[in-house]
PDB file of N, CA and C in Angstrom:
ATOM      1  N   MET A   1      97.798 116.561 131.562  1.00  0.00           N
ATOM      2  CA  MET A   1      97.672 117.477 132.671  1.00  0.00           C
ATOM      3  C   MET A   1      98.059 118.883 132.237  1.00  0.00           C
ATOM      4  N   GLY A   2      99.082 118.984 131.368  1.00  0.00           N
ATOM      5  CA  GLY A   2      99.506 120.288 130.887  1.00  0.00           C
ATOM      6  C   GLY A   2      98.468 120.930 129.988  1.00  0.00           C
ATOM      7  N   SER A   3      97.699 120.110 129.265  1.00  0.00           N
ATOM      8  CA  SER A   3      96.689 120.676 128.364  1.00  0.00           C
ATOM      9  C   SER A   3      95.560 121.337 129.135  1.00  0.00           C
ATOM     10  N   LYS A   4      95.248 120.826 130.333  1.00  0.00           N
ATOM     11  CA  LYS A   4      94.205 121.462 131.139  1.00  0.00           C
ATOM     12  C   LYS A   4      94.638 122.850 131.589  1.00  0.00           C
ATOM     13  N   ALA A   5      95.905 122.987 131.951  1.00  0.00           N
ATOM     14  CA  ALA A   5      96.399 124.297 132.380  1.00  0.00           C
ATOM     15  C   ALA A   5      96.352 125.279 131.221  1.00  0.00           C
ATOM     16  N   VAL A   6      96.700 124.818 130.029  1.00  0.00           N
ATOM     17  CA  VAL A   6      96.665 125.691 128.857  1.00  0.00           C
ATOM     18  C   VAL A   6      95.223 126.042 128.517  1.00  0.00           C
ATOM     19  N   GLN A   7      94.313 125.050 128.637  1.00  0.00           N
ATOM     20  CA  GLN A   7      92.916 125.284 128.302  1.00  0.00           C
ATOM     21  C   GLN A   7      92.295 126.292 129.269  1.00  0.00           C
ATOM     22  N   SER A   8      92.538 126.149 130.571  1.00  0.00           N
ATOM     23  CA  SER A   8      91.974 127.098 131.528  1.00  0.00           C
ATOM     24  C   SER A   8      92.617 128.472 131.361  1.00  0.00           C
ATOM     25  N   ASN A   9      93.876 128.479 131.002  1.00  0.00           N
ATOM     26  CA  ASN A   9      94.554 129.738 130.764  1.00  0.00           C
ATOM     27  C   ASN A   9      93.944 130.445 129.561  1.00  0.00           C
ATOM     28  N   SER A  10      93.581 129.676 128.522  1.00  0.00           N
ATOM     29  CA  SER A  10      93.000 130.287 127.335  1.00  0.00           C
ATOM     30  C   SER A  10      91.603 130.835 127.633  1.00  0.00           C
ATOM     31  N   ARG A  11      90.859 130.211 128.542  1.00  0.00           N
ATOM     32  CA  ARG A  11      89.551 130.745 128.922  1.00  0.00           C
ATOM     33  C   ARG A  11      89.710 132.110 129.575  1.00  0.00           C
ATOM     34  N   PHE A  12      90.654 132.206 130.491  1.00  0.00           N
ATOM     35  CA  PHE A  12      90.894 133.486 131.138  1.00  0.00           C
ATOM     36  C   PHE A  12      91.463 134.497 130.152  1.00  0.00           C
ATOM     37  N   ASP A  13      92.273 134.008 129.208  1.00  0.00           N
ATOM     38  CA  ASP A  13      92.802 134.905 128.180  1.00  0.00           C
ATOM     39  C   ASP A  13      91.669 135.481 127.339  1.00  0.00           C
ATOM     40  N   THR A  14      90.702 134.646 127.005  1.00  0.00           N
ATOM     41  CA  THR A  14      89.557 135.132 126.227  1.00  0.00           C
ATOM     42  C   THR A  14      88.799 136.195 127.013  1.00  0.00           C
ATOM     43  N   LEU A  15      88.634 135.971 128.297  1.00  0.00           N
ATOM     44  CA  LEU A  15      87.957 136.948 129.147  1.00  0.00           C
ATOM     45  C   LEU A  15      88.765 138.241 129.224  1.00  0.00           C
ATOM     46  N   LYS A  16      90.066 138.106 129.340  1.00  0.00           N
ATOM     47  CA  LYS A  16      90.923 139.301 129.410  1.00  0.00           C
ATOM     48  C   LYS A  16      90.874 140.084 128.094  1.00  0.00           C
ATOM     49  N   TRP A  17      90.879 139.370 126.953  1.00  0.00           N
ATOM     50  CA  TRP A  17      90.788 140.071 125.667  1.00  0.00           C
ATOM     51  C   TRP A  17      89.429 140.743 125.525  1.00  0.00           C
ATOM     52  N   LEU A  18      88.399 140.123 126.063  1.00  0.00           N
ATOM     53  CA  LEU A  18      87.078 140.746 126.042  1.00  0.00           C
ATOM     54  C   LEU A  18      87.098 142.049 126.850  1.00  0.00           C
ATOM     55  N   VAL A  19      87.767 142.025 127.993  1.00  0.00           N
ATOM     56  CA  VAL A  19      87.902 143.237 128.809  1.00  0.00           C
ATOM     57  C   VAL A  19      88.669 144.310 128.034  1.00  0.00           C
ATOM     58  N   VAL A  20      89.720 143.918 127.318  1.00  0.00           N
ATOM     59  CA  VAL A  20      90.494 144.876 126.531  1.00  0.00           C
ATOM     60  C   VAL A  20      89.613 145.519 125.468  1.00  0.00           C
ATOM     61  N   PHE A  21      88.848 144.709 124.745  1.00  0.00           N
ATOM     62  CA  PHE A  21      87.989 145.258 123.698  1.00  0.00           C
ATOM     63  C   PHE A  21      86.880 146.131 124.278  1.00  0.00           C
ATOM     64  N   VAL A  22      86.365 145.772 125.449  1.00  0.00           N
ATOM     65  CA  VAL A  22      85.361 146.611 126.100  1.00  0.00           C
ATOM     66  C   VAL A  22      85.972 147.948 126.497  1.00  0.00           C
ATOM     67  N   LEU A  23      87.185 147.929 127.019  1.00  0.00           N
ATOM     68  CA  LEU A  23      87.852 149.179 127.378  1.00  0.00           C
ATOM     69  C   LEU A  23      88.073 150.064 126.155  1.00  0.00           C
ATOM     70  N   ILE A  24      88.458 149.461 125.042  1.00  0.00           N
ATOM     71  CA  ILE A  24      88.646 150.229 123.813  1.00  0.00           C
ATOM     72  C   ILE A  24      87.313 150.811 123.354  1.00  0.00           C
ATOM     73  N   ALA A  25      86.257 149.999 123.402  1.00  0.00           N
ATOM     74  CA  ALA A  25      84.933 150.471 122.999  1.00  0.00           C
ATOM     75  C   ALA A  25      84.459 151.601 123.909  1.00  0.00           C
ATOM     76  N   VAL A  26      84.710 151.483 125.212  1.00  0.00           N
ATOM     77  CA  VAL A  26      84.347 152.547 126.151  1.00  0.00           C
ATOM     78  C   VAL A  26      85.104 153.822 125.801  1.00  0.00           C
ATOM     79  N   GLY A  27      86.353 153.693 125.425  1.00  0.00           N
ATOM     80  CA  GLY A  27      87.124 154.870 125.037  1.00  0.00           C
ATOM     81  C   GLY A  27      86.570 155.538 123.792  1.00  0.00           C
ATOM     82  N   VAL A  28      86.221 154.746 122.787  1.00  0.00           N
ATOM     83  CA  VAL A  28      85.685 155.305 121.538  1.00  0.00           C
ATOM     84  C   VAL A  28      84.329 155.958 121.778  1.00  0.00           C
ATOM     85  N   VAL A  29      83.432 155.234 122.444  1.00  0.00           N
ATOM     86  CA  VAL A  29      82.091 155.764 122.696  1.00  0.00           C
ATOM     87  C   VAL A  29      82.159 156.955 123.651  1.00  0.00           C
ATOM     88  N   GLY A  30      82.983 156.851 124.674  1.00  0.00           N
ATOM     89  CA  GLY A  30      83.119 157.954 125.624  1.00  0.00           C
ATOM     90  C   GLY A  30      83.698 159.201 124.970  1.00  0.00           C
ATOM     91  N   ASN A  31      84.641 159.035 124.070  1.00  0.00           N
ATOM     92  CA  ASN A  31      85.204 160.181 123.370  1.00  0.00           C
ATOM     93  C   ASN A  31      84.140 160.863 122.520  1.00  0.00           C
ATOM     94  N   GLN A  32      83.280 160.076 121.900  1.00  0.00           N
ATOM     95  CA  GLN A  32      82.187 160.645 121.095  1.00  0.00           C
ATOM     96  C   GLN A  32      81.138 161.295 122.002  1.00  0.00           C
ATOM     97  N   TYR A  33      80.809 160.631 123.078  1.00  0.00           N
ATOM     98  CA  TYR A  33      79.755 161.126 123.971  1.00  0.00           C
ATOM     99  C   TYR A  33      80.164 162.436 124.650  1.00  0.00           C
ATOM    100  N   PHE A  34      81.430 162.508 125.056  1.00  0.00           N
ATOM    101  CA  PHE A  34      81.916 163.701 125.749  1.00  0.00           C
ATOM    102  C   PHE A  34      82.641 164.647 124.787  1.00  0.00           C
ATOM    103  N   SER A  35      82.190 164.738 123.559  1.00  0.00           N
ATOM    104  CA  SER A  35      82.871 165.574 122.561  1.00  0.00           C
ATOM    105  C   SER A  35      82.815 167.055 122.916  1.00  0.00           C
ATOM    106  N   ALA A  36      81.884 167.455 123.765  1.00  0.00           N
ATOM    107  CA  ALA A  36      81.794 168.863 124.159  1.00  0.00           C
ATOM    108  C   ALA A  36      82.805 169.205 125.252  1.00  0.00           C
ATOM    109  N   GLU A  37      83.361 168.200 125.887  1.00  0.00           N
ATOM    110  CA  GLU A  37      84.338 168.452 126.955  1.00  0.00           C
ATOM    111  C   GLU A  37      85.673 168.874 126.366  1.00  0.00           C
ATOM    112  N   SER A  38      86.559 169.325 127.224  1.00  0.00           N
ATOM    113  CA  SER A  38      87.879 169.771 126.798  1.00  0.00           C
ATOM    114  C   SER A  38      88.670 168.610 126.185  1.00  0.00           C
ATOM    115  N   LEU A  39      89.423 168.926 125.157  1.00  0.00           N
ATOM    116  CA  LEU A  39      90.231 167.912 124.490  1.00  0.00           C
ATOM    117  C   LEU A  39      91.256 167.309 125.449  1.00  0.00           C
ATOM    118  N   LEU A  40      91.786 168.113 126.329  1.00  0.00           N
ATOM    119  CA  LEU A  40      92.772 167.632 127.297  1.00  0.00           C
ATOM    120  C   LEU A  40      92.197 166.514 128.164  1.00  0.00           C
ATOM    121  N   TYR A  41      90.985 166.717 128.664  1.00  0.00           N
ATOM    122  CA  TYR A  41      90.373 165.699 129.525  1.00  0.00           C
ATOM    123  C   TYR A  41      90.093 164.418 128.751  1.00  0.00           C
ATOM    124  N   ARG A  42      89.633 164.574 127.515  1.00  0.00           N
ATOM    125  CA  ARG A  42      89.336 163.383 126.705  1.00  0.00           C
ATOM    126  C   ARG A  42      90.616 162.616 126.387  1.00  0.00           C
ATOM    127  N   VAL A  43      91.698 163.338 126.071  1.00  0.00           N
ATOM    128  CA  VAL A  43      92.967 162.674 125.775  1.00  0.00           C
ATOM    129  C   VAL A  43      93.504 161.972 127.024  1.00  0.00           C
ATOM    130  N   LEU A  44      93.422 162.634 128.165  1.00  0.00           N
ATOM    131  CA  LEU A  44      93.882 162.001 129.409  1.00  0.00           C
ATOM    132  C   LEU A  44      93.073 160.744 129.724  1.00  0.00           C
ATOM    133  N   ALA A  45      91.764 160.811 129.496  1.00  0.00           N
ATOM    134  CA  ALA A  45      90.923 159.627 129.740  1.00  0.00           C
ATOM    135  C   ALA A  45      91.295 158.504 128.774  1.00  0.00           C
ATOM    136  N   LEU A  46      91.530 158.846 127.496  1.00  0.00           N
ATOM    137  CA  LEU A  46      91.903 157.816 126.520  1.00  0.00           C
ATOM    138  C   LEU A  46      93.265 157.209 126.839  1.00  0.00           C
ATOM    139  N   VAL A  47      94.196 158.037 127.263  1.00  0.00           N
ATOM    140  CA  VAL A  47      95.517 157.511 127.631  1.00  0.00           C
ATOM    141  C   VAL A  47      95.381 156.588 128.842  1.00  0.00           C
ATOM    142  N   GLY A  48      94.574 156.991 129.825  1.00  0.00           N
ATOM    143  CA  GLY A  48      94.356 156.138 130.993  1.00  0.00           C
ATOM    144  C   GLY A  48      93.725 154.804 130.616  1.00  0.00           C
ATOM    145  N   LEU A  49      92.711 154.854 129.758  1.00  0.00           N
ATOM    146  CA  LEU A  49      92.082 153.603 129.302  1.00  0.00           C
ATOM    147  C   LEU A  49      93.059 152.750 128.501  1.00  0.00           C
ATOM    148  N   ALA A  50      93.888 153.392 127.690  1.00  0.00           N
ATOM    149  CA  ALA A  50      94.865 152.640 126.898  1.00  0.00           C
ATOM    150  C   ALA A  50      95.889 151.959 127.798  1.00  0.00           C
ATOM    151  N   ILE A  51      96.300 152.627 128.851  1.00  0.00           N
ATOM    152  CA  ILE A  51      97.261 152.027 129.786  1.00  0.00           C
ATOM    153  C   ILE A  51      96.637 150.831 130.490  1.00  0.00           C
ATOM    154  N   VAL A  52      95.394 150.974 130.929  1.00  0.00           N
ATOM    155  CA  VAL A  52      94.709 149.858 131.598  1.00  0.00           C
ATOM    156  C   VAL A  52      94.523 148.701 130.618  1.00  0.00           C
ATOM    157  N   ALA A  53      94.100 149.018 129.376  1.00  0.00           N
ATOM    158  CA  ALA A  53      93.895 147.971 128.371  1.00  0.00           C
ATOM    159  C   ALA A  53      95.214 147.272 128.048  1.00  0.00           C
ATOM    160  N   ALA A  54      96.293 148.030 127.935  1.00  0.00           N
ATOM    161  CA  ALA A  54      97.596 147.418 127.659  1.00  0.00           C
ATOM    162  C   ALA A  54      98.036 146.528 128.818  1.00  0.00           C
ATOM    163  N   PHE A  55      97.794 146.987 130.041  1.00  0.00           N
ATOM    164  CA  PHE A  55      98.160 146.175 131.202  1.00  0.00           C
ATOM    165  C   PHE A  55      97.396 144.855 131.208  1.00  0.00           C
ATOM    166  N   VAL A  56      96.094 144.920 130.914  1.00  0.00           N
ATOM    167  CA  VAL A  56      95.287 143.694 130.880  1.00  0.00           C
ATOM    168  C   VAL A  56      95.747 142.798 129.736  1.00  0.00           C
ATOM    169  N   ALA A  57      96.036 143.399 128.579  1.00  0.00           N
ATOM    170  CA  ALA A  57      96.476 142.603 127.423  1.00  0.00           C
ATOM    171  C   ALA A  57      97.815 141.924 127.705  1.00  0.00           C
ATOM    172  N   LEU A  58      98.695 142.586 128.443  1.00  0.00           N
ATOM    173  CA  LEU A  58      99.998 141.990 128.757  1.00  0.00           C
ATOM    174  C   LEU A  58      99.892 140.831 129.751  1.00  0.00           C
ATOM    175  N   GLN A  59      98.734 140.672 130.377  1.00  0.00           N
ATOM    176  CA  GLN A  59      98.543 139.557 131.297  1.00  0.00           C
ATOM    177  C   GLN A  59      98.161 138.277 130.562  1.00  0.00           C
ATOM    178  N   THR A  60      97.859 138.379 129.269  1.00  0.00           N
ATOM    179  CA  THR A  60      97.494 137.199 128.486  1.00  0.00           C
ATOM    180  C   THR A  60      98.744 136.528 127.942  1.00  0.00           C
ATOM    181  N   LEU A  61      98.570 135.331 127.418  1.00  0.00           N
ATOM    182  CA  LEU A  61      99.702 134.590 126.850  1.00  0.00           C
ATOM    183  C   LEU A  61     100.270 135.320 125.634  1.00  0.00           C
ATOM    184  N   ARG A  62      99.384 135.783 124.752  1.00  0.00           N
ATOM    185  CA  ARG A  62      99.854 136.518 123.572  1.00  0.00           C
ATOM    186  C   ARG A  62     100.504 137.835 123.960  1.00  0.00           C
ATOM    187  N   GLY A  63      99.970 138.489 124.965  1.00  0.00           N
ATOM    188  CA  GLY A  63     100.564 139.736 125.437  1.00  0.00           C
ATOM    189  C   GLY A  63     101.964 139.525 125.988  1.00  0.00           C
ATOM    190  N   GLN A  64     102.162 138.423 126.705  1.00  0.00           N
ATOM    191  CA  GLN A  64     103.487 138.118 127.247  1.00  0.00           C
ATOM    192  C   GLN A  64     104.459 137.788 126.126  1.00  0.00           C
ATOM    193  N   ARG A  65     103.958 137.079 125.092  1.00  0.00           N
ATOM    194  CA  ARG A  65     104.814 136.798 123.932  1.00  0.00           C
ATOM    195  C   ARG A  65     105.206 138.089 123.229  1.00  0.00           C
ATOM    196  N   PHE A  66     104.246 139.015 123.097  1.00  0.00           N
ATOM    197  CA  PHE A  66     104.516 140.288 122.449  1.00  0.00           C
ATOM    198  C   PHE A  66     105.541 141.088 123.246  1.00  0.00           C
ATOM    199  N   ALA A  67     105.425 141.087 124.567  1.00  0.00           N
ATOM    200  CA  ALA A  67     106.388 141.799 125.406  1.00  0.00           C
ATOM    201  C   ALA A  67     107.780 141.186 125.256  1.00  0.00           C
ATOM    202  N   ALA A  68     107.852 139.863 125.176  1.00  0.00           N
ATOM    203  CA  ALA A  68     109.139 139.197 124.973  1.00  0.00           C
ATOM    204  C   ALA A  68     109.718 139.565 123.606  1.00  0.00           C
ATOM    205  N   LEU A  69     108.859 139.635 122.595  1.00  0.00           N
ATOM    206  CA  LEU A  69     109.308 140.037 121.263  1.00  0.00           C
ATOM    207  C   LEU A  69     109.879 141.449 121.279  1.00  0.00           C
ATOM    208  N   LEU A  70     109.218 142.360 121.982  1.00  0.00           N
ATOM    209  CA  LEU A  70     109.725 143.731 122.069  1.00  0.00           C
ATOM    210  C   LEU A  70     111.077 143.779 122.772  1.00  0.00           C
ATOM    211  N   LYS A  71     111.239 142.982 123.823  1.00  0.00           N
ATOM    212  CA  LYS A  71     112.526 142.952 124.530  1.00  0.00           C
ATOM    213  C   LYS A  71     113.625 142.413 123.624  1.00  0.00           C
ATOM    214  N   GLU A  72     113.322 141.353 122.868  1.00  0.00           N
ATOM    215  CA  GLU A  72     114.310 140.790 121.946  1.00  0.00           C
ATOM    216  C   GLU A  72     114.651 141.770 120.830  1.00  0.00           C
ATOM    217  N   ALA A  73     113.648 142.489 120.343  1.00  0.00           N
ATOM    218  CA  ALA A  73     113.888 143.478 119.295  1.00  0.00           C
ATOM    219  C   ALA A  73     114.782 144.601 119.807  1.00  0.00           C
ATOM    220  N   ARG A  74     114.575 144.993 121.046  1.00  0.00           N
ATOM    221  CA  ARG A  74     115.421 146.041 121.634  1.00  0.00           C
ATOM    222  C   ARG A  74     116.873 145.570 121.749  1.00  0.00           C
ATOM    223  N   VAL A  75     117.066 144.318 122.111  1.00  0.00           N
ATOM    224  CA  VAL A  75     118.419 143.762 122.186  1.00  0.00           C
ATOM    225  C   VAL A  75     119.058 143.754 120.804  1.00  0.00           C
ATOM    226  N   GLU A  76     118.292 143.379 119.780  1.00  0.00           N
ATOM    227  CA  GLU A  76     118.828 143.336 118.417  1.00  0.00           C
ATOM    228  C   GLU A  76     119.143 144.735 117.899  1.00  0.00           C
ATOM    229  N   ILE A  77     118.334 145.712 118.258  1.00  0.00           N
ATOM    230  CA  ILE A  77     118.598 147.089 117.815  1.00  0.00           C
ATOM    231  C   ILE A  77     119.902 147.597 118.421  1.00  0.00           C
ATOM    232  N   ARG A  78     120.195 147.182 119.636  1.00  0.00           N
ATOM    233  CA  ARG A  78     121.454 147.602 120.259  1.00  0.00           C
ATOM    234  C   ARG A  78     122.664 147.010 119.546  1.00  0.00           C
ATOM    235  N   LYS A  79     122.468 145.894 118.833  1.00  0.00           N
ATOM    236  CA  LYS A  79     123.581 145.263 118.117  1.00  0.00           C
ATOM    237  C   LYS A  79     123.876 145.940 116.784  1.00  0.00           C
ATOM    238  N   VAL A  80     122.960 146.771 116.304  1.00  0.00           N
ATOM    239  CA  VAL A  80     123.126 147.408 115.000  1.00  0.00           C
ATOM    240  C   VAL A  80     124.261 148.427 115.071  1.00  0.00           C
ATOM    241  N   VAL A  81     125.102 148.409 114.042  1.00  0.00           N
ATOM    242  CA  VAL A  81     126.176 149.395 113.942  1.00  0.00           C
ATOM    243  C   VAL A  81     125.651 150.522 113.057  1.00  0.00           C
ATOM    244  N   TRP A  82     125.361 151.657 113.661  1.00  0.00           N
ATOM    245  CA  TRP A  82     124.803 152.775 112.923  1.00  0.00           C
ATOM    246  C   TRP A  82     125.913 153.507 112.185  1.00  0.00           C
ATOM    247  N   PRO A  83     125.629 154.049 110.985  1.00  0.00           N
ATOM    248  CA  PRO A  83     126.671 154.740 110.224  1.00  0.00           C
ATOM    249  C   PRO A  83     127.058 156.062 110.880  1.00  0.00           C
ATOM    250  N   THR A  84     128.304 156.453 110.631  1.00  0.00           N
ATOM    251  CA  THR A  84     128.756 157.755 111.128  1.00  0.00           C
ATOM    252  C   THR A  84     128.185 158.839 110.220  1.00  0.00           C
ATOM    253  N   ARG A  85     128.319 160.075 110.631  1.00  0.00           N
ATOM    254  CA  ARG A  85     127.783 161.183 109.833  1.00  0.00           C
ATOM    255  C   ARG A  85     128.423 161.254 108.449  1.00  0.00           C
ATOM    256  N   PRO A  86     129.763 161.144 108.320  1.00  0.00           N
ATOM    257  CA  PRO A  86     130.346 161.178 106.966  1.00  0.00           C
ATOM    258  C   PRO A  86     129.852 160.031 106.078  1.00  0.00           C
ATOM    259  N   GLU A  87     129.693 158.835 106.642  1.00  0.00           N
ATOM    260  CA  GLU A  87     129.169 157.713 105.863  1.00  0.00           C
ATOM    261  C   GLU A  87     127.734 157.981 105.411  1.00  0.00           C
ATOM    262  N   LEU A  88     126.955 158.570 106.300  1.00  0.00           N
ATOM    263  CA  LEU A  88     125.573 158.886 105.972  1.00  0.00           C
ATOM    264  C   LEU A  88     125.496 159.926 104.857  1.00  0.00           C
ATOM    265  N   VAL A  89     126.311 160.968 104.947  1.00  0.00           N
ATOM    266  CA  VAL A  89     126.318 162.010 103.914  1.00  0.00           C
ATOM    267  C   VAL A  89     126.781 161.429 102.588  1.00  0.00           C
ATOM    268  N   GLN A  90     127.822 160.620 102.614  1.00  0.00           N
ATOM    269  CA  GLN A  90     128.352 160.027 101.383  1.00  0.00           C
ATOM    270  C   GLN A  90     127.304 159.127 100.724  1.00  0.00           C
ATOM    271  N   THR A  91     126.640 158.312 101.488  1.00  0.00           N
ATOM    272  CA  THR A  91     125.616 157.424 100.944  1.00  0.00           C
ATOM    273  C   THR A  91     124.448 158.224 100.383  1.00  0.00           C
ATOM    274  N   THR A  92     124.060 159.282 101.080  1.00  0.00           N
ATOM    275  CA  THR A  92     122.965 160.128 100.607  1.00  0.00           C
ATOM    276  C   THR A  92     123.321 160.794  99.284  1.00  0.00           C
ATOM    277  N   VAL A  93     124.555 161.285  99.165  1.00  0.00           N
ATOM    278  CA  VAL A  93     124.990 161.913  97.914  1.00  0.00           C
ATOM    279  C   VAL A  93     124.976 160.897  96.782  1.00  0.00           C
ATOM    280  N   ILE A  94     125.430 159.694  97.042  1.00  0.00           N
ATOM    281  CA  ILE A  94     125.436 158.654  96.014  1.00  0.00           C
ATOM    282  C   ILE A  94     124.008 158.364  95.551  1.00  0.00           C
ATOM    283  N   VAL A  95     123.079 158.261  96.468  1.00  0.00           N
ATOM    284  CA  VAL A  95     121.693 157.977  96.116  1.00  0.00           C
ATOM    285  C   VAL A  95     121.103 159.125  95.303  1.00  0.00           C
ATOM    286  N   VAL A  96     121.340 160.359  95.709  1.00  0.00           N
ATOM    287  CA  VAL A  96     120.796 161.516  94.989  1.00  0.00           C
ATOM    288  C   VAL A  96     121.371 161.575  93.574  1.00  0.00           C
ATOM    289  N   VAL A  97     122.674 161.369  93.418  1.00  0.00           N
ATOM    290  CA  VAL A  97     123.291 161.386  92.098  1.00  0.00           C
ATOM    291  C   VAL A  97     122.721 160.267  91.230  1.00  0.00           C
ATOM    292  N   PHE A  98     122.578 159.096  91.783  1.00  0.00           N
ATOM    293  CA  PHE A  98     122.022 157.970  91.030  1.00  0.00           C
ATOM    294  C   PHE A  98     120.595 158.271  90.572  1.00  0.00           C
ATOM    295  N   VAL A  99     119.789 158.839  91.442  1.00  0.00           N
ATOM    296  CA  VAL A  99     118.415 159.188  91.083  1.00  0.00           C
ATOM    297  C   VAL A  99     118.404 160.224  89.974  1.00  0.00           C
ATOM    298  N   LEU A 100     119.275 161.215  90.050  1.00  0.00           N
ATOM    299  CA  LEU A 100     119.343 162.227  88.997  1.00  0.00           C
ATOM    300  C   LEU A 100     119.761 161.618  87.665  1.00  0.00           C
ATOM    301  N   VAL A 101     120.753 160.742  87.668  1.00  0.00           N
ATOM    302  CA  VAL A 101     121.216 160.108  86.429  1.00  0.00           C
ATOM    303  C   VAL A 101     120.102 159.259  85.817  1.00  0.00           C
ATOM    304  N   VAL A 102     119.440 158.469  86.618  1.00  0.00           N
ATOM    305  CA  VAL A 102     118.370 157.623  86.103  1.00  0.00           C
ATOM    306  C   VAL A 102     117.210 158.474  85.596  1.00  0.00           C
ATOM    307  N   SER A 103     116.875 159.535  86.299  1.00  0.00           N
ATOM    308  CA  SER A 103     115.783 160.395  85.832  1.00  0.00           C
ATOM    309  C   SER A 103     116.134 161.071  84.515  1.00  0.00           C
ATOM    310  N   LEU A 104     117.385 161.483  84.336  1.00  0.00           N
ATOM    311  CA  LEU A 104     117.804 162.061  83.054  1.00  0.00           C
ATOM    312  C   LEU A 104     117.752 161.021  81.938  1.00  0.00           C
ATOM    313  N   LEU A 105     118.170 159.803  82.225  1.00  0.00           N
ATOM    314  CA  LEU A 105     118.086 158.739  81.220  1.00  0.00           C
ATOM    315  C   LEU A 105     116.642 158.460  80.829  1.00  0.00           C
ATOM    316  N   LEU A 106     115.757 158.362  81.799  1.00  0.00           N
ATOM    317  CA  LEU A 106     114.351 158.119  81.498  1.00  0.00           C
ATOM    318  C   LEU A 106     113.743 159.289  80.732  1.00  0.00           C
ATOM    319  N   TRP A 107     114.097 160.527  81.093  1.00  0.00           N
ATOM    320  CA  TRP A 107     113.607 161.692  80.365  1.00  0.00           C
ATOM    321  C   TRP A 107     114.085 161.658  78.918  1.00  0.00           C
ATOM    322  N   GLY A 108     115.350 161.312  78.707  1.00  0.00           N
ATOM    323  CA  GLY A 108     115.889 161.226  77.355  1.00  0.00           C
ATOM    324  C   GLY A 108     115.203 160.136  76.541  1.00  0.00           C
ATOM    325  N   MET A 109     115.029 158.961  77.137  1.00  0.00           N
ATOM    326  CA  MET A 109     114.348 157.871  76.424  1.00  0.00           C
ATOM    327  C   MET A 109     112.908 158.257  76.105  1.00  0.00           C
ATOM    328  N   ASP A 110     112.230 158.904  77.035  1.00  0.00           N
ATOM    329  CA  ASP A 110     110.860 159.334  76.794  1.00  0.00           C
ATOM    330  C   ASP A 110     110.809 160.362  75.668  1.00  0.00           C
ATOM    331  N   SER A 111     111.756 161.275  75.645  1.00  0.00           N
ATOM    332  CA  SER A 111     111.793 162.289  74.581  1.00  0.00           C
ATOM    333  C   SER A 111     112.022 161.637  73.223  1.00  0.00           C
ATOM    334  N   ILE A 112     112.936 160.686  73.145  1.00  0.00           N
ATOM    335  CA  ILE A 112     113.213 160.004  71.874  1.00  0.00           C
ATOM    336  C   ILE A 112     111.999 159.210  71.413  1.00  0.00           C
ATOM    337  N   ILE A 113     111.379 158.473  72.344  1.00  0.00           N
ATOM    338  CA  ILE A 113     110.209 157.674  71.973  1.00  0.00           C
ATOM    339  C   ILE A 113     109.066 158.577  71.534  1.00  0.00           C
ATOM    340  N   SER A 114     108.807 159.685  72.222  1.00  0.00           N
ATOM    341  CA  SER A 114     107.723 160.571  71.807  1.00  0.00           C
ATOM    342  C   SER A 114     108.049 161.243  70.474  1.00  0.00           C
ATOM    343  N   TRP A 115     109.336 161.543  70.205  1.00  0.00           N
ATOM    344  CA  TRP A 115     109.725 162.106  68.901  1.00  0.00           C
ATOM    345  C   TRP A 115     109.473 161.084  67.789  1.00  0.00           C
ATOM    346  N   LEU A 116     109.817 159.796  68.035  1.00  0.00           N
ATOM    347  CA  LEU A 116     109.581 158.755  67.046  1.00  0.00           C
ATOM    348  C   LEU A 116     108.091 158.531  66.803  1.00  0.00           C
ATOM    349  N   VAL A 117     107.298 158.497  67.860  1.00  0.00           N
ATOM    350  CA  VAL A 117     105.859 158.306  67.723  1.00  0.00           C
ATOM    351  C   VAL A 117     105.245 159.487  66.963  1.00  0.00           C
ATOM    352  N   ALA A 118     105.678 160.703  67.286  1.00  0.00           N
ATOM    353  CA  ALA A 118     105.172 161.883  66.574  1.00  0.00           C
ATOM    354  C   ALA A 118     105.545 161.829  65.109  1.00  0.00           C
ATOM    355  N   GLY A 119     106.732 161.282  64.814  1.00  0.00           N
ATOM    356  CA  GLY A 119     107.145 161.146  63.409  1.00  0.00           C
ATOM    357  C   GLY A 119     106.296 160.145  62.679  1.00  0.00           C
ATOM    358  N   PHE A 120     105.937 159.039  63.303  1.00  0.00           N
ATOM    359  CA  PHE A 120     105.110 158.030  62.643  1.00  0.00           C
ATOM    360  C   PHE A 120     103.662 158.508  62.468  1.00  0.00           C
ATOM    361  N   ILE A 121     103.152 159.160  63.503  1.00  0.00           N
ATOM    362  CA  ILE A 121     101.748 159.607  63.467  1.00  0.00           C
ATOM    363  C   ILE A 121     101.603 160.786  62.503  1.00  0.00           C
ATOM    364  N   GLY A 122     102.586 161.646  62.487  1.00  0.00           N
ATOM    365  CA  GLY A 122     102.584 162.755  61.529  1.00  0.00           C
ATOM    366  C   GLY A 122     102.084 163.957  62.176  1.00  0.00           C
TER     367      GLY A 122
END
């Protein structure tokens, strides 16, 4: 009995995704067709179509899963302990110094190898 509900839901989901793709296609073709119109009007129309397409997409099973994923990601981002400004500056200085040291080492090795190759080649 549960499989029938999922199957009918997937039929409507397919129809909803078709509507989303049609809305996107209308936006692309309409933007090309009305290229002589003001950019402001075209952008407003595209934003309106994008909002409608997103609303329709969120009504599908995958859209609801995606919305749940975004909510969970937002909760996880709130758990992150962001570095303070002094920690950020200190880490940045360490990275810059390390990059400079490694670049000098690579430059030195390249110079020695090219000197040796030039000596062999003559």
